[in-house]
C-alpha atoms as a PDB file:
ATOM      1  CA  MET A   1      37.027  34.783 121.077  1.00  0.00           C
ATOM      2  CA  GLU A   2      39.662  32.510 118.306  1.00  0.00           C
ATOM      3  CA  ASN A   3      40.821  29.717 119.298  1.00  0.00           C
ATOM      4  CA  LYS A   4      38.280  29.023 122.462  1.00  0.00           C
ATOM      5  CA  LYS A   5      38.057  25.264 124.224  1.00  0.00           C
ATOM      6  CA  VAL A   6      34.974  24.212 123.223  1.00  0.00           C
ATOM      7  CA  GLY A   7      33.190  21.191 124.487  1.00  0.00           C
ATOM      8  CA  ILE A   8      30.042  19.831 125.483  1.00  0.00           C
ATOM      9  CA  ILE A   9      28.600  18.852 128.588  1.00  0.00           C
ATOM     10  CA  THR A  10      25.004  16.542 129.154  1.00  0.00           C
ATOM     11  CA  GLN A  11      24.402  15.594 132.525  1.00  0.00           C
ATOM     12  CA  ALA A  12      22.728  11.799 132.493  1.00  0.00           C
ATOM     13  CA  ARG A  13      21.803  10.147 136.096  1.00  0.00           C
ATOM     14  CA  MET A  14      19.939   6.788 136.636  1.00  0.00           C
ATOM     15  CA  ALA A  15      17.443   8.253 138.938  1.00  0.00           C
ATOM     16  CA  SER A  16      15.312  10.452 136.959  1.00  0.00           C
ATOM     17  CA  THR A  17      11.918  11.034 138.318  1.00  0.00           C
ATOM     18  CA  ARG A  18       9.988  10.449 135.728  1.00  0.00           C
ATOM     19  CA  LEU A  19      11.078   7.541 133.769  1.00  0.00           C
ATOM     20  CA  PRO A  20      14.217   5.796 136.128  1.00  0.00           C
ATOM     21  CA  GLY A  21      16.836   4.449 134.483  1.00  0.00           C
ATOM     22  CA  LYS A  22      15.361   6.168 131.058  1.00  0.00           C
ATOM     23  CA  VAL A  23      19.173   6.791 129.233  1.00  0.00           C
ATOM     24  CA  MET A  24      19.946   2.876 129.221  1.00  0.00           C
ATOM     25  CA  LEU A  25      16.221   1.614 128.184  1.00  0.00           C
ATOM     26  CA  PRO A  26      17.304  -0.732 125.308  1.00  0.00           C
ATOM     27  CA  ILE A  27      16.667   0.480 121.265  1.00  0.00           C
ATOM     28  CA  GLY A  28      17.485  -1.734 119.021  1.00  0.00           C
ATOM     29  CA  GLY A  29      19.722  -3.441 120.977  1.00  0.00           C
ATOM     30  CA  LYS A  30      21.519  -0.979 122.528  1.00  0.00           C
ATOM     31  CA  PRO A  31      20.731   1.623 125.204  1.00  0.00           C
ATOM     32  CA  MET A  32      19.037   5.321 124.461  1.00  0.00           C
ATOM     33  CA  LEU A  33      22.456   7.120 125.432  1.00  0.00           C
ATOM     34  CA  TRP A  34      24.087   5.277 122.692  1.00  0.00           C
ATOM     35  CA  TYR A  35      21.775   7.083 119.700  1.00  0.00           C
ATOM     36  CA  PHE A  36      22.437  10.280 121.581  1.00  0.00           C
ATOM     37  CA  ILE A  37      26.208  10.042 121.586  1.00  0.00           C
ATOM     38  CA  GLU A  38      26.225   8.461 117.864  1.00  0.00           C
ATOM     39  CA  ASN A  39      24.398  11.359 117.154  1.00  0.00           C
ATOM     40  CA  LEU A  40      26.323  13.918 119.079  1.00  0.00           C
ATOM     41  CA  LYS A  41      29.921  12.360 118.125  1.00  0.00           C
ATOM     42  CA  ARG A  42      28.774  13.855 114.412  1.00  0.00           C
ATOM     43  CA  SER A  43      29.655  17.128 115.744  1.00  0.00           C
ATOM     44  CA  GLY A  44      33.021  16.278 115.644  1.00  0.00           C
ATOM     45  CA  ILE A  45      33.362  18.401 119.576  1.00  0.00           C
ATOM     46  CA  PRO A  46      34.350  16.694 122.191  1.00  0.00           C
ATOM     47  CA  ILE A  47      31.731  15.542 124.506  1.00  0.00           C
ATOM     48  CA  CYS A  48      31.923  14.616 128.285  1.00  0.00           C
ATOM     49  CA  LEU A  49      29.252  13.285 130.272  1.00  0.00           C
ATOM     50  CA  ALA A  50      28.634  14.303 133.923  1.00  0.00           C
ATOM     51  CA  THR A  51      26.560  11.920 136.211  1.00  0.00           C
ATOM     52  CA  SER A  52      26.586  12.349 139.815  1.00  0.00           C
ATOM     53  CA  ILE A  53      28.827  10.265 142.276  1.00  0.00           C
ATOM     54  CA  LEU A  54      25.963   8.442 143.593  1.00  0.00           C
ATOM     55  CA  PRO A  55      26.620   4.569 142.938  1.00  0.00           C
ATOM     56  CA  SER A  56      23.375   3.918 140.651  1.00  0.00           C
ATOM     57  CA  ASN A  57      25.475   5.998 137.998  1.00  0.00           C
ATOM     58  CA  ASP A  58      28.041   3.759 137.808  1.00  0.00           C
ATOM     59  CA  ILE A  59      26.832   2.179 135.042  1.00  0.00           C
ATOM     60  CA  LEU A  60      27.349   5.003 133.329  1.00  0.00           C
ATOM     61  CA  GLU A  61      30.874   6.043 133.699  1.00  0.00           C
ATOM     62  CA  ALA A  62      31.311   2.450 132.697  1.00  0.00           C
ATOM     63  CA  PHE A  63      29.207   3.104 129.429  1.00  0.00           C
ATOM     64  CA  ALA A  64      31.356   6.601 128.940  1.00  0.00           C
ATOM     65  CA  LYS A  65      34.697   3.868 129.240  1.00  0.00           C
ATOM     66  CA  GLU A  66      33.224   1.396 126.991  1.00  0.00           C
ATOM     67  CA  ASN A  67      32.356   3.972 124.402  1.00  0.00           C
ATOM     68  CA  ASN A  68      35.333   6.324 124.665  1.00  0.00           C
ATOM     69  CA  ILE A  69      33.662   9.687 125.658  1.00  0.00           C
ATOM     70  CA  ALA A  70      34.648  11.597 128.368  1.00  0.00           C
ATOM     71  CA  PHE A  71      32.982  11.807 132.131  1.00  0.00           C
ATOM     72  CA  PHE A  72      32.617  13.365 135.561  1.00  0.00           C
ATOM     73  CA  ARG A  73      30.789  12.813 138.511  1.00  0.00           C
ATOM     74  CA  GLY A  74      29.282  15.663 140.698  1.00  0.00           C
ATOM     75  CA  ASP A  75      26.798  16.437 142.908  1.00  0.00           C
ATOM     76  CA  GLU A  76      23.549  14.399 142.190  1.00  0.00           C
ATOM     77  CA  ASN A  77      21.290  17.593 143.015  1.00  0.00           C
ATOM     78  CA  ASN A  78      23.302  20.377 142.340  1.00  0.00           C
ATOM     79  CA  VAL A  79      23.759  20.292 138.528  1.00  0.00           C
ATOM     80  CA  LEU A  80      25.076  23.598 138.236  1.00  0.00           C
ATOM     81  CA  SER A  81      28.106  22.728 140.432  1.00  0.00           C
ATOM     82  CA  ARG A  82      28.708  19.576 138.580  1.00  0.00           C
ATOM     83  CA  PHE A  83      28.686  21.442 135.544  1.00  0.00           C
ATOM     84  CA  TYR A  84      31.249  24.086 136.383  1.00  0.00           C
ATOM     85  CA  GLU A  85      33.408  21.881 138.126  1.00  0.00           C
ATOM     86  CA  CYS A  86      33.176  19.650 134.627  1.00  0.00           C
ATOM     87  CA  ALA A  87      33.826  22.366 132.634  1.00  0.00           C
ATOM     88  CA  LYS A  88      36.919  23.827 135.006  1.00  0.00           C
ATOM     89  CA  GLU A  89      38.557  20.462 134.945  1.00  0.00           C
ATOM     90  CA  ASN A  90      38.408  20.312 130.994  1.00  0.00           C
ATOM     91  CA  ASN A  91      39.372  23.135 131.437  1.00  0.00           C
ATOM     92  CA  LEU A  92      36.373  24.776 128.946  1.00  0.00           C
ATOM     93  CA  ASP A  93      36.427  28.160 127.345  1.00  0.00           C
ATOM     94  CA  VAL A  94      32.756  27.425 126.042  1.00  0.00           C
ATOM     95  CA  ILE A  95      30.547  25.102 127.209  1.00  0.00           C
ATOM     96  CA  ILE A  96      27.599  23.460 124.606  1.00  0.00           C
ATOM     97  CA  ARG A  97      24.583  22.228 127.147  1.00  0.00           C
ATOM     98  CA  ILE A  98      22.613  19.227 125.650  1.00  0.00           C
ATOM     99  CA  THR A  99      20.949  16.851 127.631  1.00  0.00           C
ATOM    100  CA  SER A 100      21.154  12.745 127.622  1.00  0.00           C
ATOM    101  CA  ASP A 101      17.706  12.451 127.223  1.00  0.00           C
ATOM    102  CA  CYS A 102      17.245  14.104 123.586  1.00  0.00           C
ATOM    103  CA  PRO A 103      18.597  10.746 121.707  1.00  0.00           C
ATOM    104  CA  LEU A 104      17.895  12.366 118.497  1.00  0.00           C
ATOM    105  CA  ILE A 105      20.016  15.232 118.528  1.00  0.00           C
ATOM    106  CA  ASP A 106      21.068  16.719 114.907  1.00  0.00           C
ATOM    107  CA  GLY A 107      24.782  16.848 115.542  1.00  0.00           C
ATOM    108  CA  LYS A 108      24.931  18.705 112.444  1.00  0.00           C
ATOM    109  CA  MET A 109      23.024  21.375 113.879  1.00  0.00           C
ATOM    110  CA  ILE A 110      25.183  21.892 116.787  1.00  0.00           C
ATOM    111  CA  LYS A 111      28.764  21.854 114.537  1.00  0.00           C
ATOM    112  CA  ASP A 112      26.879  24.335 112.830  1.00  0.00           C
ATOM    113  CA  VAL A 113      25.921  26.467 115.378  1.00  0.00           C
ATOM    114  CA  VAL A 114      29.628  26.819 117.313  1.00  0.00           C
ATOM    115  CA  PHE A 115      30.295  29.073 114.492  1.00  0.00           C
ATOM    116  CA  HIS A 116      27.404  31.337 114.680  1.00  0.00           C
ATOM    117  CA  TYR A 117      27.906  31.580 118.411  1.00  0.00           C
ATOM    118  CA  LEU A 118      31.858  32.263 117.980  1.00  0.00           C
ATOM    119  CA  ALA A 119      31.054  35.016 115.458  1.00  0.00           C
ATOM    120  CA  PHE A 120      29.341  37.109 118.322  1.00  0.00           C
ATOM    121  CA  ASN A 121      32.271  37.337 120.035  1.00  0.00           C
ATOM    122  CA  ASP A 122      31.360  38.164 123.163  1.00  0.00           C
ATOM    123  CA  GLU A 123      31.406  36.098 126.339  1.00  0.00           C
ATOM    124  CA  ASN A 124      28.500  37.175 128.284  1.00  0.00           C
ATOM    125  CA  VAL A 125      26.248  36.310 124.810  1.00  0.00           C
ATOM    126  CA  HIS A 126      23.605  32.796 125.635  1.00  0.00           C
ATOM    127  CA  PHE A 127      23.206  31.368 122.820  1.00  0.00           C
ATOM    128  CA  SER A 128      20.334  28.691 122.014  1.00  0.00           C
ATOM    129  CA  ASN A 129      16.900  27.003 120.236  1.00  0.00           C
ATOM    130  CA  CYS A 130      15.194  26.285 123.199  1.00  0.00           C
ATOM    131  CA  VAL A 131      14.047  29.912 124.742  1.00  0.00           C
ATOM    132  CA  GLU A 132      12.175  30.547 121.143  1.00  0.00           C
ATOM    133  CA  LEU A 133      10.755  27.516 121.033  1.00  0.00           C
ATOM    134  CA  THR A 134      10.814  26.570 116.965  1.00  0.00           C
ATOM    135  CA  TYR A 135      12.479  23.313 117.013  1.00  0.00           C
ATOM    136  CA  PRO A 136      10.839  19.923 117.830  1.00  0.00           C
ATOM    137  CA  HIS A 137      11.218  19.628 121.403  1.00  0.00           C
ATOM    138  CA  GLY A 138      14.209  17.361 122.170  1.00  0.00           C
ATOM    139  CA  LEU A 139      16.700  18.769 119.421  1.00  0.00           C
ATOM    140  CA  ASN A 140      17.476  21.687 122.120  1.00  0.00           C
ATOM    141  CA  PHE A 141      20.902  22.950 122.746  1.00  0.00           C
ATOM    142  CA  GLU A 142      22.914  25.940 125.008  1.00  0.00           C
ATOM    143  CA  ILE A 143      26.527  27.649 124.237  1.00  0.00           C
ATOM    144  CA  PHE A 144      27.446  30.268 126.969  1.00  0.00           C
ATOM    145  CA  SER A 145      30.394  30.914 127.979  1.00  0.00           C
ATOM    146  CA  PHE A 146      32.528  29.370 130.905  1.00  0.00           C
ATOM    147  CA  LYS A 147      32.155  32.977 132.103  1.00  0.00           C
ATOM    148  CA  LEU A 148      28.846  32.835 132.302  1.00  0.00           C
ATOM    149  CA  LEU A 149      28.600  29.559 133.750  1.00  0.00           C
ATOM    150  CA  GLU A 150      31.158  30.705 136.833  1.00  0.00           C
ATOM    151  CA  ASP A 151      29.044  33.848 137.584  1.00  0.00           C
ATOM    152  CA  ALA A 152      26.119  31.861 137.675  1.00  0.00           C
ATOM    153  CA  TYR A 153      28.020  28.988 140.089  1.00  0.00           C
ATOM    154  CA  ASN A 154      29.173  31.926 142.181  1.00  0.00           C
ATOM    155  CA  ASN A 155      26.342  33.461 142.834  1.00  0.00           C
ATOM    156  CA  ALA A 156      22.509  31.341 141.972  1.00  0.00           C
ATOM    157  CA  THR A 157      21.102  30.726 145.579  1.00  0.00           C
ATOM    158  CA  THR A 158      18.083  28.521 144.948  1.00  0.00           C
ATOM    159  CA  ASP A 159      17.625  25.074 144.003  1.00  0.00           C
ATOM    160  CA  PHE A 160      15.757  26.146 141.594  1.00  0.00           C
ATOM    161  CA  HIS A 161      19.075  27.523 140.023  1.00  0.00           C
ATOM    162  CA  LYS A 162      21.228  24.986 140.879  1.00  0.00           C
ATOM    163  CA  GLU A 163      19.224  22.030 139.510  1.00  0.00           C
ATOM    164  CA  HIS A 164      18.868  23.437 135.987  1.00  0.00           C
ATOM    165  CA  VAL A 165      22.042  24.511 135.537  1.00  0.00           C
ATOM    166  CA  THR A 166      21.277  28.027 133.458  1.00  0.00           C
ATOM    167  CA  PRO A 167      17.813  29.672 134.509  1.00  0.00           C
ATOM    168  CA  TYR A 168      20.279  32.111 136.200  1.00  0.00           C
ATOM    169  CA  ILE A 169      21.884  32.731 132.900  1.00  0.00           C
ATOM    170  CA  ILE A 170      18.866  32.964 131.216  1.00  0.00           C
ATOM    171  CA  GLN A 171      17.057  35.278 133.298  1.00  0.00           C
ATOM    172  CA  ASN A 172      19.941  37.642 133.297  1.00  0.00           C
ATOM    173  CA  ILE A 173      20.256  38.191 136.796  1.00  0.00           C
ATOM    174  CA  SER A 174      23.223  39.095 136.526  1.00  0.00           C
ATOM    175  CA  GLY A 175      21.943  41.645 134.095  1.00  0.00           C
ATOM    176  CA  ASN A 176      25.381  41.326 131.941  1.00  0.00           C
ATOM    177  CA  VAL A 177      23.596  38.503 129.625  1.00  0.00           C
ATOM    178  CA  ILE A 178      22.637  38.885 126.109  1.00  0.00           C
ATOM    179  CA  LEU A 179      19.876  36.331 124.738  1.00  0.00           C
ATOM    180  CA  LYS A 180      20.543  35.194 121.317  1.00  0.00           C
ATOM    181  CA  HIS A 181      18.579  33.039 119.737  1.00  0.00           C
ATOM    182  CA  TYR A 182      18.055  30.185 117.189  1.00  0.00           C
ATOM    183  CA  THR A 183      14.994  30.196 114.916  1.00  0.00           C
ATOM    184  CA  ARG A 184      13.599  27.661 112.079  1.00  0.00           C
ATOM    185  CA  ASN A 185      11.534  29.756 109.599  1.00  0.00           C
ATOM    186  CA  LYS A 186       8.808  27.245 110.197  1.00  0.00           C
ATOM    187  CA  ASN A 187       7.808  26.955 113.842  1.00  0.00           C
ATOM    188  CA  ASP A 188       8.095  22.819 114.605  1.00  0.00           C
ATOM    189  CA  SER A 189       7.876  23.345 118.645  1.00  0.00           C
ATOM    190  CA  GLN A 190       4.734  20.933 118.821  1.00  0.00           C
ATOM    191  CA  TYR A 191       6.786  17.602 118.170  1.00  0.00           C
ATOM    192  CA  ARG A 192       8.027  15.946 120.761  1.00  0.00           C
ATOM    193  CA  VAL A 193      11.300  13.898 120.561  1.00  0.00           C
ATOM    194  CA  THR A 194      12.785  13.736 124.498  1.00  0.00           C
ATOM    195  CA  VAL A 195      12.033  11.380 126.416  1.00  0.00           C
ATOM    196  CA  ASP A 196      10.605  12.079 130.139  1.00  0.00           C
ATOM    197  CA  THR A 197       7.714   9.385 129.943  1.00  0.00           C
ATOM    198  CA  TRP A 198       7.089   5.782 128.466  1.00  0.00           C
ATOM    199  CA  GLU A 199       5.287   7.126 125.995  1.00  0.00           C
ATOM    200  CA  ASP A 200       8.265   9.547 124.858  1.00  0.00           C
ATOM    201  CA  PHE A 201      10.146   6.324 124.533  1.00  0.00           C
ATOM    202  CA  LEU A 202       8.054   4.057 122.414  1.00  0.00           C
ATOM    203  CA  LEU A 203       7.966   7.120 120.045  1.00  0.00           C
ATOM    204  CA  VAL A 204      12.472   7.594 119.969  1.00  0.00           C
ATOM    205  CA  LYS A 205      12.358   3.535 119.733  1.00  0.00           C
ATOM    206  CA  LYS A 206       9.718   3.396 116.801  1.00  0.00           C
ATOM    207  CA  LEU A 207      11.703   6.670 114.949  1.00  0.00           C
ATOM    208  CA  ILE A 208      14.536   4.422 115.697  1.00  0.00           C
ATOM    209  CA  GLU A 209      13.618   0.949 114.642  1.00  0.00           C
ATOM    210  CA  GLU A 210      11.084   1.454 111.956  1.00  0.00           C
ATOM    211  CA  HIS A 211      12.046   5.455 110.404  1.00  0.00           C
ATOM    212  CA  ASP A 212      16.145   5.389 109.968  1.00  0.00           C
ATOM    213  CA  ALA A 213      15.967   8.712 112.341  1.00  0.00           C
ATOM    214  CA  LEU A 214      19.280   8.030 114.131  1.00  0.00           C
ATOM    215  CA  GLY A 215      21.902  10.544 111.909  1.00  0.00           C
ATOM    216  CA  LYS A 216      18.813  12.017 110.617  1.00  0.00           C
ATOM    217  CA  THR A 217      18.839  15.798 110.181  1.00  0.00           C
ATOM    218  CA  THR A 218      16.595  18.322 112.406  1.00  0.00           C
ATOM    219  CA  ASP A 219      15.006  18.697 108.840  1.00  0.00           C
ATOM    220  CA  GLU A 220      14.510  15.146 108.202  1.00  0.00           C
ATOM    221  CA  ILE A 221      12.895  14.085 111.517  1.00  0.00           C
ATOM    222  CA  VAL A 222      10.471  16.734 110.724  1.00  0.00           C
ATOM    223  CA  SER A 223       9.846  15.426 107.201  1.00  0.00           C
ATOM    224  CA  ILE A 224       8.637  12.267 108.938  1.00  0.00           C
ATOM    225  CA  PHE A 225       6.594  13.663 111.649  1.00  0.00           C
ATOM    226  CA  GLU A 226       5.100  15.504 108.366  1.00  0.00           C
ATOM    227  CA  ALA A 227       4.986  12.005 106.385  1.00  0.00           C
ATOM    228  CA  HIS A 228       3.258   9.805 108.804  1.00  0.00           C
ATOM    229  CA  PRO A 229       1.320  12.475 111.462  1.00  0.00           C
ATOM    230  CA  GLU A 230      -0.091   9.535 113.702  1.00  0.00           C
ATOM    231  CA  LEU A 231       3.244   9.286 115.249  1.00  0.00           C
ATOM    232  CA  ALA A 232       3.079  12.797 116.989  1.00  0.00           C
ATOM    233  CA  LEU A 233      -0.088  11.330 118.624  1.00  0.00           C
ATOM    234  CA  ILE A 234       1.810   8.735 120.783  1.00  0.00           C
ATOM    235  CA  ASN A 235       2.650  11.285 123.282  1.00  0.00           C
ATOM    236  CA  VAL A 236       0.948  14.082 122.521  1.00  0.00           C
ATOM    237  CA  PRO A 237       2.833  16.949 123.508  1.00  0.00           C
ATOM    238  CA  GLN A 238       2.929  18.339 126.903  1.00  0.00           C
ATOM    239  CA  LYS A 239       2.792  22.184 127.065  1.00  0.00           C
ATOM    240  CA  ALA A 240       6.247  22.985 126.038  1.00  0.00           C
ATOM    241  CA  HIS A 241       8.454  23.933 129.031  1.00  0.00           C
ATOM    242  CA  ILE A 242      10.187  27.345 128.244  1.00  0.00           C
ATOM    243  CA  TRP A 243      14.125  26.700 129.476  1.00  0.00           C
ATOM    244  CA  GLY A 244      15.010  28.905 132.359  1.00  0.00           C
ATOM    245  CA  THR A 245      12.060  30.117 133.365  1.00  0.00           C
ATOM    246  CA  GLY A 246      10.103  27.238 135.533  1.00  0.00           C
ATOM    247  CA  LYS A 247       6.746  28.126 133.437  1.00  0.00           C
ATOM    248  CA  THR A 248       4.852  25.970 130.490  1.00  0.00           C
ATOM    249  CA  ALA A 249       3.757  28.285 126.921  1.00  0.00           C
END
């Protein structure tokens, strides 16, 4: 799989059900999305912000233009088609999927895991740290080939598969998928730095404004929690979502 074109596609929209407009909520005078993009830029991998055609998302297109990142606009609810069309437009061979409600994503880790994925040299591999959960929730990634994405796009039929992009792949409905897992030596999945609720946002805001979390590695984020255990009480974790299954653990 040498000489493959690799790109990050991140989905975002303003009409989030639980916390509308969350990606543009202010932290330190900048929208939360800015911190997410700044962390992703540390990977050195091209980024495309994939939002929908709804007018409410015009602000996200404007953000992408202002911050010199690519953007794509597609279906609001069929996020699988949005990813497929975005990947096709950008001629991607390998897609890294990271959701935009993870502002503390470890860009250095993303840079490293691409080399692990390419070493498999197999387009049937789905590589992630979110099927076997050992990373803090919100430092998640998935890497897969355009071949697997196209198969899902052509064959997925349920609303669940279309909304959540990768369940068709993770559940190996085609029978060809090889799941590979990126795990930590210590399970730190009890920590939650994704933003789905107001409490999640307050925690991330505190981590950035009071603990200088921008640009921190996974180990450094975990160290902050270990030094300040009260932080984890701000958004007492819900049961962890097992990506691609619709179930909790």
